[in-house]
């Protein structure tokens, strides 16, 4: 063996194993899981640690080195941009591979950017999220389109799937005036290609869920609802019951959530207009503008920021975690059966500008939503150790095996992830269950505690709690059409 880990509590949701075992690795793969350690060039004593499959984040907008390094320090071994996607994905995969990434990466086909390209002439020459944020103010991309334009859009996205995209990333909530028939057509095309639609719902609450469920039922597509925790409004029980009922009828709808009571997006989003906030009964002070750190004082200031910097990032308070009723609503979405933990990791800003992707260390003036730095450690600290609402096995399943299984139909590589078994990829995290904790706050970027080691394809990217700066073993996760 190249490496054998001994003494660790091995937690493998795929087999149900939860016991001390020796795990041997060679050539980037797991070769043995045994009671007796095999001979190895390197032996790592991990007594007292949990050895789990590396966490797989389905929803990561921080696709540069700095974002992925922070995620590696949170136990993530694969971070995928599936909600916003990439376009063209061939160029995105090539760029990431040429630059090198510490963890595995992959992209869906970005519907929003595809519309911007076709209907506003936006060139496809950058990160999909950056392109989307920079051009959200353009006039045509978010409008209903003609049947001919819809056919062009569907063909563009289908070609992206042929080029390796992991389904369609559909930001309906940022273009709510698009025709409902378009989403149905997207779902139908996705079903015909055998790929998922990763969906930011058109509206928060039951109205948005109803559209997704209806499209899934009519087309047979696998439709995924992003960040259920921040999109449910006060319809949590109705939504959870509707999703559970739909699944019982065979409807292929999947869900994700992250364990925070605040969200983050760009201040120009349609659902953050003064009128939209008023209709939700929320004051403008629920928004914190990251460029300055200010609470948005009033409607006039909000209109000014939306006009001057529509792509500027904000934090949005939506649940008071200190309020037992609000906390229980948040937990209900997190604990819905088979809800994946996915962070919605955001790009880091410093003084209102995107932090360059190869910056390290992160400057103390930089800001980002803490979910981008500690979402998985918070899951194990809060939901497992403190509240006891998830067992260790179930938490690991929701962070690793379950997201891998959601992607197996489109990405064969995922069949070897999320597992600790011979033949599986050596994407692994070792953490101390008694000390693992999120340390990032809304004003400070601090890596998680308790993450001792992280291996990606058998190579250490975190060793003895420290980042291995020159380790770039991340590989592409591509779809197979």
Protein backbone atom coordinates (compact mmCIF):
# COMPACT_ATOMS: atom_id res chain seq x y z
CA UNK A 1 0.00 0.00 0.00
CA UNK A 2 1.00 3.63 -0.48
CA UNK A 3 -0.81 4.54 2.73
CA UNK A 4 -2.73 2.75 5.45
CA UNK A 5 -4.82 4.58 8.05
CA UNK A 6 -5.08 2.70 11.33
CA UNK A 7 -7.06 3.22 14.52
CA UNK A 8 -9.86 5.33 13.05
CA UNK A 9 -13.58 4.75 13.47
CA UNK A 10 -14.60 4.03 9.88
CA UNK A 11 -18.11 5.24 9.02
CA UNK A 12 -19.30 3.97 5.63
CA UNK A 13 -23.01 4.57 4.93
CA UNK A 14 -22.97 2.38 1.81
CA UNK A 15 -22.22 -0.79 3.80
CA UNK A 16 -23.36 0.34 7.24
CA UNK A 17 -19.87 -0.21 8.64
CA UNK A 18 -19.19 1.74 11.84
CA UNK A 19 -16.14 0.23 13.49
CA UNK A 20 -12.40 0.60 13.92
CA UNK A 21 -10.70 -0.63 10.76
CA UNK A 22 -7.46 -0.24 8.82
CA UNK A 23 -7.96 1.36 5.41
CA UNK A 24 -5.27 0.77 2.80
CA UNK A 25 -4.80 2.90 -0.33
CA UNK A 26 -2.77 2.59 -3.49
CA UNK A 27 -2.79 4.59 -6.72
CA UNK A 28 -5.48 6.99 -5.52
CA UNK A 29 -8.00 4.26 -4.66
CA UNK A 30 -9.01 2.30 -1.58
CA UNK A 31 -7.63 -1.23 -1.80
CA UNK A 32 -8.55 -2.76 1.54
CA UNK A 33 -10.74 -2.25 4.60
CA UNK A 34 -9.63 -4.74 7.22
CA UNK A 35 -9.19 -5.44 10.91
CA UNK A 36 -5.49 -6.17 10.43
CA UNK A 37 -3.36 -3.42 8.84
CA UNK A 38 -1.64 -4.43 5.60
CA UNK A 39 2.00 -3.48 4.92
CA UNK A 40 2.35 0.09 3.66
CA UNK A 41 4.95 2.68 2.80
CA UNK A 42 3.24 5.16 5.14
CA UNK A 43 1.14 4.39 8.21
CA UNK A 44 -1.11 7.10 9.68
CA UNK A 45 -2.31 6.55 13.23
CA UNK A 46 -5.81 8.07 13.39
CA UNK A 47 -6.88 6.77 16.79
CA UNK A 48 -9.81 8.81 18.11
CA UNK A 49 -10.78 10.16 14.69
CA UNK A 50 -13.71 9.36 12.42
CA UNK A 51 -12.72 8.28 8.92
CA UNK A 52 -15.54 9.11 6.48
CA UNK A 53 -15.96 9.50 2.74
CA UNK A 54 -15.04 13.04 1.77
CA UNK A 55 -17.96 15.45 1.65
CA UNK A 56 -19.51 16.11 -1.76
CA UNK A 57 -20.93 19.60 -2.20
CA UNK A 58 -23.53 19.81 -4.98
CA UNK A 59 -23.83 23.58 -4.68
CA UNK A 60 -20.54 25.47 -4.69
CA UNK A 61 -20.16 28.80 -6.49
CA UNK A 62 -16.55 29.21 -5.28
CA UNK A 63 -14.87 27.29 -8.07
CA UNK A 64 -11.43 28.89 -7.77
CA UNK A 65 -8.47 27.72 -5.69
CA UNK A 66 -9.12 29.96 -2.69
CA UNK A 67 -12.74 28.86 -2.36
CA UNK A 68 -11.82 25.21 -2.76
CA UNK A 69 -8.98 25.43 -0.25
CA UNK A 70 -11.40 26.72 2.36
CA UNK A 71 -13.82 23.93 1.48
CA UNK A 72 -11.04 21.34 1.78
CA UNK A 73 -10.42 22.63 5.30
CA UNK A 74 -14.12 21.86 5.93
CA UNK A 75 -13.74 18.24 4.77
CA UNK A 76 -14.95 18.68 1.18
CA UNK A 77 -13.30 16.53 -1.49
CA UNK A 78 -15.66 17.31 -4.40
CA UNK A 79 -17.31 20.70 -5.03
CA UNK A 80 -19.72 21.01 -7.96
CA UNK A 81 -21.28 24.09 -9.54
CA UNK A 82 -24.73 22.73 -10.37
CA UNK A 83 -27.22 25.52 -9.63
CA UNK A 84 -25.66 28.29 -11.76
CA UNK A 85 -23.60 25.91 -13.86
CA UNK A 86 -20.93 26.74 -16.39
CA UNK A 87 -20.96 27.69 -20.07
CA UNK A 88 -19.25 26.48 -22.09
CA UNK A 89 -18.43 23.57 -19.80
CA UNK A 90 -15.62 22.27 -22.01
CA UNK A 91 -13.71 25.51 -21.45
CA UNK A 92 -14.50 25.52 -17.72
CA UNK A 93 -13.21 21.97 -17.27
CA UNK A 94 -10.10 22.78 -19.30
CA UNK A 95 -9.35 25.96 -17.34
CA UNK A 96 -9.74 24.24 -13.97
CA UNK A 97 -7.52 21.35 -15.04
CA UNK A 98 -4.85 23.66 -16.43
CA UNK A 99 -4.76 25.80 -13.27
CA UNK A 100 -5.06 22.86 -10.89
CA UNK A 101 -7.63 22.38 -8.13
CA UNK A 102 -7.14 20.92 -4.64
CA UNK A 103 -10.47 19.06 -4.80
CA UNK A 104 -12.63 17.51 -7.51
CA UNK A 105 -14.82 19.79 -9.63
CA UNK A 106 -17.68 19.76 -12.14
CA UNK A 107 -20.42 21.85 -13.75
CA UNK A 108 -23.95 21.73 -15.05
CA UNK A 109 -25.03 23.66 -18.15
CA UNK A 110 -25.97 27.19 -17.04
CA UNK A 111 -29.45 28.22 -18.20
CA UNK A 112 -29.12 31.81 -16.96
CA UNK A 113 -25.83 32.44 -18.76
CA UNK A 114 -27.12 30.64 -21.83
CA UNK A 115 -30.03 33.08 -21.97
CA UNK A 116 -27.69 36.05 -21.46
CA UNK A 117 -25.55 34.81 -24.35
CA UNK A 118 -28.41 34.16 -26.77
CA UNK A 119 -30.66 37.11 -25.95
CA UNK A 120 -28.22 39.85 -24.82
CA UNK A 121 -25.08 38.84 -26.70
CA UNK A 122 -23.00 38.25 -23.57
CA UNK A 123 -19.73 36.48 -24.48
CA UNK A 124 -19.08 33.17 -22.82
CA UNK A 125 -15.58 33.84 -21.57
CA UNK A 126 -15.63 33.59 -17.81
CA UNK A 127 -16.93 31.97 -14.66
CA UNK A 128 -20.69 31.47 -14.99
CA UNK A 129 -21.47 33.07 -11.65
CA UNK A 130 -19.29 36.09 -12.41
CA UNK A 131 -20.91 36.46 -15.84
CA UNK A 132 -24.35 36.17 -14.31
CA UNK A 133 -23.67 38.72 -11.57
CA UNK A 134 -22.08 41.19 -13.97
CA UNK A 135 -24.95 41.04 -16.47
CA UNK A 136 -28.02 40.62 -14.29
CA UNK A 137 -29.11 44.17 -15.24
CA UNK A 138 -29.32 43.47 -18.99
CA UNK A 139 -32.83 43.85 -20.43
CA UNK A 140 -33.58 40.74 -22.50
CA UNK A 141 -32.23 37.62 -20.86
CA UNK A 142 -34.91 37.38 -18.17
CA UNK A 143 -37.93 37.93 -20.43
CA UNK A 144 -40.22 35.29 -21.96
CA UNK A 145 -38.82 34.01 -25.23
CA UNK A 146 -40.34 32.88 -28.51
CA UNK A 147 -40.69 29.19 -29.43
CA UNK A 148 -37.78 29.57 -31.83
CA UNK A 149 -35.54 31.11 -29.18
CA UNK A 150 -36.52 28.41 -26.72
CA UNK A 151 -35.51 25.77 -29.26
CA UNK A 152 -32.12 27.47 -29.64
CA UNK A 153 -31.66 27.56 -25.87
CA UNK A 154 -32.57 23.90 -25.46
CA UNK A 155 -30.17 22.92 -28.22
CA UNK A 156 -27.38 24.96 -26.63
CA UNK A 157 -27.88 23.31 -23.24
CA UNK A 158 -28.17 19.88 -24.81
CA UNK A 159 -24.84 20.36 -26.55
CA UNK A 160 -23.33 21.25 -23.18
CA UNK A 161 -24.57 17.92 -21.81
CA UNK A 162 -22.89 16.21 -24.76
CA UNK A 163 -19.71 18.04 -23.72
CA UNK A 164 -19.87 16.68 -20.17
CA UNK A 165 -22.27 18.98 -18.28
CA UNK A 166 -23.92 17.40 -15.24
CA UNK A 167 -27.48 18.35 -16.22
CA UNK A 168 -29.11 21.78 -16.44
CA UNK A 169 -28.60 24.50 -13.81
CA UNK A 170 -31.79 26.58 -13.76
CA UNK A 171 -31.95 29.87 -11.83
CA UNK A 172 -35.70 30.41 -12.23
CA UNK A 173 -35.85 32.69 -9.20
CA UNK A 174 -33.69 35.25 -10.98
CA UNK A 175 -35.97 35.37 -14.03
CA UNK A 176 -39.46 34.80 -12.62
CA UNK A 177 -41.15 36.40 -15.65
CA UNK A 178 -40.02 33.61 -17.96
CA UNK A 179 -42.87 31.44 -19.18
CA UNK A 180 -43.77 28.40 -17.09
CA UNK A 181 -43.87 26.33 -20.26
CA UNK A 182 -40.13 26.94 -20.61
CA UNK A 183 -39.33 25.18 -17.35
CA UNK A 184 -41.57 22.31 -18.41
CA UNK A 185 -39.68 22.12 -21.71
CA UNK A 186 -36.36 22.15 -19.84
CA UNK A 187 -37.55 19.30 -17.64
CA UNK A 188 -38.72 17.33 -20.66
CA UNK A 189 -35.42 17.80 -22.47
CA UNK A 190 -33.51 16.84 -19.30
CA UNK A 191 -35.60 13.69 -18.99
CA UNK A 192 -34.87 12.75 -22.61
CA UNK A 193 -31.14 13.19 -21.98
CA UNK A 194 -31.24 11.36 -18.64
CA UNK A 195 -29.87 14.28 -16.64
CA UNK A 196 -31.18 16.32 -13.66
CA UNK A 197 -32.34 19.94 -13.49
CA UNK A 198 -30.75 21.72 -10.51
CA UNK A 199 -33.39 24.33 -9.72
CA UNK A 200 -33.54 27.61 -7.84
CA UNK A 201 -37.33 27.81 -7.66
CA UNK A 202 -39.24 30.62 -9.37
CA UNK A 203 -40.89 31.67 -6.11
CA UNK A 204 -40.18 30.94 -2.46
CA UNK A 205 -42.80 28.94 -0.64
CA UNK A 206 -45.35 26.40 -1.80
CA UNK A 207 -45.97 28.09 -5.15
CA UNK A 208 -42.39 27.45 -6.21
CA UNK A 209 -42.39 23.84 -5.00
CA UNK A 210 -45.68 23.14 -6.76
CA UNK A 211 -44.18 24.14 -10.12
CA UNK A 212 -41.21 21.82 -9.65
CA UNK A 213 -43.34 18.90 -8.50
CA UNK A 214 -45.76 19.31 -11.41
CA UNK A 215 -42.92 19.41 -13.95
CA UNK A 216 -41.28 16.34 -12.43
CA UNK A 217 -44.55 14.43 -12.46
CA UNK A 218 -45.42 15.38 -16.03
CA UNK A 219 -42.01 14.70 -17.56
CA UNK A 220 -40.43 12.02 -15.37
CA UNK A 221 -37.32 14.19 -15.00
CA UNK A 222 -35.08 14.20 -11.93
CA UNK A 223 -35.65 17.71 -10.58
CA UNK A 224 -33.62 18.99 -7.65
CA UNK A 225 -34.70 21.84 -5.36
CA UNK A 226 -31.77 23.95 -4.19
CA UNK A 227 -31.48 25.40 -0.65
CA UNK A 228 -34.88 24.28 0.63
CA UNK A 229 -34.07 25.91 3.97
CA UNK A 230 -34.05 29.45 2.51
CA UNK A 231 -36.79 28.90 -0.07
CA UNK A 232 -39.64 27.56 2.05
CA UNK A 233 -40.90 30.79 3.65
CA UNK A 234 -43.47 29.77 6.29
CA UNK A 235 -44.87 26.91 4.19
CA UNK A 236 -42.40 24.43 5.63
CA UNK A 237 -44.84 21.75 6.80
CA UNK A 238 -46.96 21.98 3.64
CA UNK A 239 -43.87 21.80 1.46
CA UNK A 240 -42.36 18.83 3.29
CA UNK A 241 -45.68 16.98 3.12
CA UNK A 242 -46.02 17.72 -0.62
CA UNK A 243 -42.49 16.52 -1.39
CA UNK A 244 -42.93 13.39 0.70
CA UNK A 245 -46.24 12.63 -1.02
CA UNK A 246 -44.80 13.18 -4.47
CA UNK A 247 -41.88 10.87 -3.75
CA UNK A 248 -44.28 8.17 -2.57
CA UNK A 249 -45.89 8.33 -6.04
CA UNK A 250 -42.54 7.87 -7.72
CA UNK A 251 -41.94 11.52 -8.59
CA UNK A 252 -38.19 12.13 -8.88
CA UNK A 253 -37.69 15.24 -6.79
CA UNK A 254 -34.62 15.70 -4.59
CA UNK A 255 -33.69 18.38 -2.08
CA UNK A 256 -30.75 20.05 -0.37
CA UNK A 257 -30.29 22.47 2.54
CA UNK A 258 -27.59 24.13 4.61
CA UNK A 259 -27.64 24.68 8.41
CA UNK A 260 -27.88 28.46 8.63
CA UNK A 261 -30.66 30.98 9.16
CA UNK A 262 -29.27 33.48 6.67
CA UNK A 263 -28.81 33.33 2.91
CA UNK A 264 -26.59 35.15 0.42
CA UNK A 265 -26.97 36.35 -3.16
CA UNK A 266 -26.65 39.51 -5.27
CA UNK A 267 -28.53 42.61 -4.22
CA UNK A 268 -30.04 42.99 -7.70
CA UNK A 269 -32.02 39.73 -7.45
CA UNK A 270 -35.70 40.32 -8.25
CA UNK A 271 -36.81 38.85 -4.93
CA UNK A 272 -34.79 41.54 -3.09
CA UNK A 273 -36.51 44.55 -4.63
CA UNK A 274 -38.18 46.92 -2.15
CA UNK A 275 -41.55 45.76 -3.42
CA UNK A 276 -40.68 42.08 -3.01
CA UNK A 277 -39.34 42.56 0.52
CA UNK A 278 -42.46 44.53 1.47
CA UNK A 279 -44.69 41.74 0.15
CA UNK A 280 -42.75 39.31 2.36
CA UNK A 281 -43.17 41.58 5.38
CA UNK A 282 -39.40 42.09 5.68
CA UNK A 283 -37.59 45.37 6.29
CA UNK A 284 -34.57 46.31 4.20
CA UNK A 285 -32.42 45.84 7.31
CA UNK A 286 -32.53 42.07 6.81
CA UNK A 287 -29.88 42.74 4.12
CA UNK A 288 -26.19 43.26 4.86
CA UNK A 289 -24.22 44.62 1.91
CA UNK A 290 -20.86 42.84 1.99
CA UNK A 291 -18.84 45.51 0.20
CA UNK A 292 -19.29 47.90 3.15
CA UNK A 293 -20.66 45.65 5.89
CA UNK A 294 -23.66 47.94 6.28
CA UNK A 295 -27.22 46.98 7.08
CA UNK A 296 -29.34 48.40 4.26
CA UNK A 297 -31.03 51.20 6.16
CA UNK A 298 -34.09 51.96 4.05
CA UNK A 299 -35.80 51.67 0.69
CA UNK A 300 -33.87 54.59 -0.80
CA UNK A 301 -30.52 53.02 0.04
CA UNK A 302 -31.66 49.66 -1.34
CA UNK A 303 -32.69 51.24 -4.64
CA UNK A 304 -29.37 53.04 -4.87
CA UNK A 305 -27.33 49.86 -4.27
CA UNK A 306 -29.43 47.87 -6.74
CA UNK A 307 -28.82 50.54 -9.37
CA UNK A 308 -25.12 51.06 -8.68
CA UNK A 309 -24.01 47.49 -7.98
CA UNK A 310 -26.71 44.94 -8.94
CA UNK A 311 -24.19 42.10 -8.73
CA UNK A 312 -23.00 43.10 -5.24
CA UNK A 313 -23.30 40.32 -2.67
CA UNK A 314 -25.49 40.53 0.42
CA UNK A 315 -26.34 38.44 3.46
CA UNK A 316 -30.09 37.93 3.96
CA UNK A 317 -31.54 37.10 7.38
CA UNK A 318 -34.51 34.75 7.02
CA UNK A 319 -34.60 32.68 10.25
CA UNK A 320 -33.72 33.66 13.80
CA UNK A 321 -31.87 30.57 15.04
CA UNK A 322 -32.24 31.79 18.64
CA UNK A 323 -36.03 31.65 18.36
CA UNK A 324 -37.22 28.06 19.06
CA UNK A 325 -40.07 28.27 16.54
CA UNK A 326 -37.83 29.67 13.81
CA UNK A 327 -35.10 27.16 14.60
CA UNK A 328 -37.56 24.27 14.32
CA UNK A 329 -38.69 25.48 10.89
CA UNK A 330 -35.08 25.52 9.77
CA UNK A 331 -34.46 22.06 11.18
CA UNK A 332 -37.57 20.67 9.49
CA UNK A 333 -36.12 21.41 6.06
CA UNK A 334 -32.70 20.06 7.04
CA UNK A 335 -34.15 16.84 8.41
CA UNK A 336 -36.60 16.09 5.59
CA UNK A 337 -35.91 12.54 4.45
CA UNK A 338 -32.97 12.31 2.04
CA UNK A 339 -32.19 16.02 2.05
CA UNK A 340 -28.56 16.46 1.06
CA UNK A 341 -26.29 18.86 2.92
CA UNK A 342 -25.08 21.37 0.30
CA UNK A 343 -23.54 24.68 1.21
CA UNK A 344 -24.32 27.19 -1.57
CA UNK A 345 -20.72 28.35 -1.15
CA UNK A 346 -20.21 31.90 -2.42
CA UNK A 347 -17.18 33.69 -3.88
CA UNK A 348 -15.12 35.70 -1.40
CA UNK A 349 -15.17 39.49 -1.66
CA UNK A 350 -12.70 41.99 -0.31
CA UNK A 351 -13.77 45.63 -0.36
CA UNK A 352 -16.57 44.76 -2.74
CA UNK A 353 -14.32 43.03 -5.28
CA UNK A 354 -13.95 39.32 -5.97
CA UNK A 355 -10.88 38.01 -4.20
CA UNK A 356 -8.36 36.73 -6.80
CA UNK A 357 -8.66 32.98 -7.07
CA UNK A 358 -5.12 32.09 -6.06
CA UNK A 359 -4.94 34.36 -2.99
CA UNK A 360 -3.62 32.70 0.17
CA UNK A 361 -3.89 33.32 3.01
CA UNK A 362 -7.27 35.03 2.93
CA UNK A 363 -6.89 38.65 4.10
CA UNK A 364 -8.70 39.61 7.32
CA UNK A 365 -10.74 42.22 5.43
CA UNK A 366 -12.34 39.59 3.17
CA UNK A 367 -15.96 38.58 3.71
CA UNK A 368 -18.25 35.72 2.71
CA UNK A 369 -21.25 33.88 4.12
CA UNK A 370 -19.91 31.42 6.75
CA UNK A 371 -21.66 28.52 4.99
CA UNK A 372 -18.84 28.84 2.43
CA UNK A 373 -16.23 27.97 5.05
CA UNK A 374 -17.89 25.86 7.73
CA UNK A 375 -21.11 24.32 6.43
CA UNK A 376 -20.06 20.71 7.00
CA UNK A 377 -18.31 21.22 10.32
CA UNK A 378 -21.45 23.05 11.50
CA UNK A 379 -23.56 20.05 10.48
CA UNK A 380 -21.54 17.73 12.70
CA UNK A 381 -21.12 20.23 15.52
CA UNK A 382 -24.73 21.42 15.70
CA UNK A 383 -26.93 18.66 14.28
CA UNK A 384 -24.93 15.62 15.45
CA UNK A 385 -23.04 16.53 18.62
CA UNK A 386 -25.16 19.29 20.19
CA UNK A 387 -28.75 18.63 19.09
CA UNK A 388 -28.49 14.91 18.38
CA UNK A 389 -31.06 15.16 15.58
CA UNK A 390 -28.80 13.29 13.15
CA UNK A 391 -26.75 10.21 13.93
CA UNK A 392 -23.13 10.16 12.84
CA UNK A 393 -23.98 7.61 10.15
CA UNK A 394 -26.90 9.61 8.76
CA UNK A 395 -24.96 12.87 8.75
CA UNK A 396 -22.11 11.23 6.82
CA UNK A 397 -24.66 9.74 4.39
CA UNK A 398 -26.22 13.14 3.69
CA UNK A 399 -22.81 14.75 3.20
CA UNK A 400 -21.20 12.07 1.02
CA UNK A 401 -23.04 8.97 -0.17
CA UNK A 402 -26.40 10.58 -0.91
CA UNK A 403 -25.01 13.35 -3.16
CA UNK A 404 -22.89 10.75 -4.96
CA UNK A 405 -25.98 8.63 -5.57
CA UNK A 406 -27.93 11.59 -6.97
CA UNK A 407 -25.27 11.95 -9.67
CA UNK A 408 -24.52 8.33 -10.50
CA UNK A 409 -26.93 8.26 -13.42
CA UNK A 410 -25.21 11.13 -15.20
CA UNK A 411 -21.63 10.86 -13.91
CA UNK A 412 -20.25 7.29 -13.66
CA UNK A 413 -17.28 8.57 -11.63
CA UNK A 414 -19.64 9.19 -8.72
CA UNK A 415 -20.18 5.45 -8.30
CA UNK A 416 -16.71 5.36 -6.76
CA UNK A 417 -17.23 8.27 -4.40
CA UNK A 418 -19.05 8.60 -1.08
CA UNK A 419 -17.91 5.12 -0.01
CA UNK A 420 -15.13 3.44 1.97
CA UNK A 421 -14.83 0.15 0.12
CA UNK A 422 -12.20 -1.53 -2.04
CA UNK A 423 -12.26 0.07 -5.47
CA UNK A 424 -13.66 3.39 -4.28
CA UNK A 425 -11.73 6.61 -4.80
CA UNK A 426 -9.52 7.58 -1.87
CA UNK A 427 -11.45 10.81 -1.22
CA UNK A 428 -11.50 10.81 2.57
CA UNK A 429 -11.88 13.06 5.59
CA UNK A 430 -10.64 12.34 9.11
CA UNK A 431 -12.11 14.45 11.90
CA UNK A 432 -12.41 14.52 15.66
CA UNK A 433 -16.11 14.07 16.51
CA UNK A 434 -15.64 15.81 19.86
CA UNK A 435 -14.06 18.99 18.48
CA UNK A 436 -15.26 19.38 14.88
CA UNK A 437 -16.84 22.83 14.68
CA UNK A 438 -17.45 25.76 12.38
CA UNK A 439 -15.49 28.87 13.31
CA UNK A 440 -16.43 31.21 10.46
CA UNK A 441 -18.81 34.07 11.25
CA UNK A 442 -20.64 36.66 9.18
CA UNK A 443 -17.73 39.05 9.70
CA UNK A 444 -14.68 36.76 9.81
CA UNK A 445 -13.40 33.93 7.60
CA UNK A 446 -12.00 31.25 9.90
CA UNK A 447 -11.44 27.64 8.77
CA UNK A 448 -13.24 24.86 10.60
CA UNK A 449 -11.80 23.14 13.65
CA UNK A 450 -11.38 19.42 14.17
CA UNK A 451 -10.67 18.46 10.54
CA UNK A 452 -7.36 16.59 10.92
CA UNK A 453 -6.72 15.19 7.44
CA UNK A 454 -8.34 15.33 4.00
CA UNK A 455 -7.25 13.16 1.08
CA UNK A 456 -8.32 13.64 -2.53
CA UNK A 457 -7.55 10.77 -4.89
CA UNK A 458 -5.18 9.44 -2.26
CA UNK A 459 -3.17 12.66 -1.83
CA UNK A 460 -3.22 14.80 1.31
CA UNK A 461 -4.69 18.26 0.75
CA UNK A 462 -5.05 18.79 4.51
CA UNK A 463 -2.57 17.10 6.84
CA UNK A 464 -2.40 17.52 10.60
CA UNK A 465 -5.03 20.30 10.40
CA UNK A 466 -2.93 22.30 7.92
CA UNK A 467 -3.54 22.98 4.24
CA UNK A 468 -1.02 21.42 1.84
CA UNK A 469 -0.63 24.41 -0.44
CA UNK A 470 0.97 22.72 -3.43
CA UNK A 471 -1.43 19.75 -3.50
CA UNK A 472 -3.66 19.92 -6.59
CA UNK A 473 -5.05 16.40 -7.01
CA UNK A 474 -8.59 17.48 -7.94
CA UNK A 475 -10.05 15.76 -11.00
CA UNK A 476 -13.03 16.64 -13.21
CA UNK A 477 -16.39 14.99 -12.61
CA UNK A 478 -17.97 14.84 -16.07
CA UNK A 479 -21.28 13.64 -17.34
CA UNK A 480 -21.49 10.91 -19.96
CA UNK A 481 -24.16 11.51 -22.59
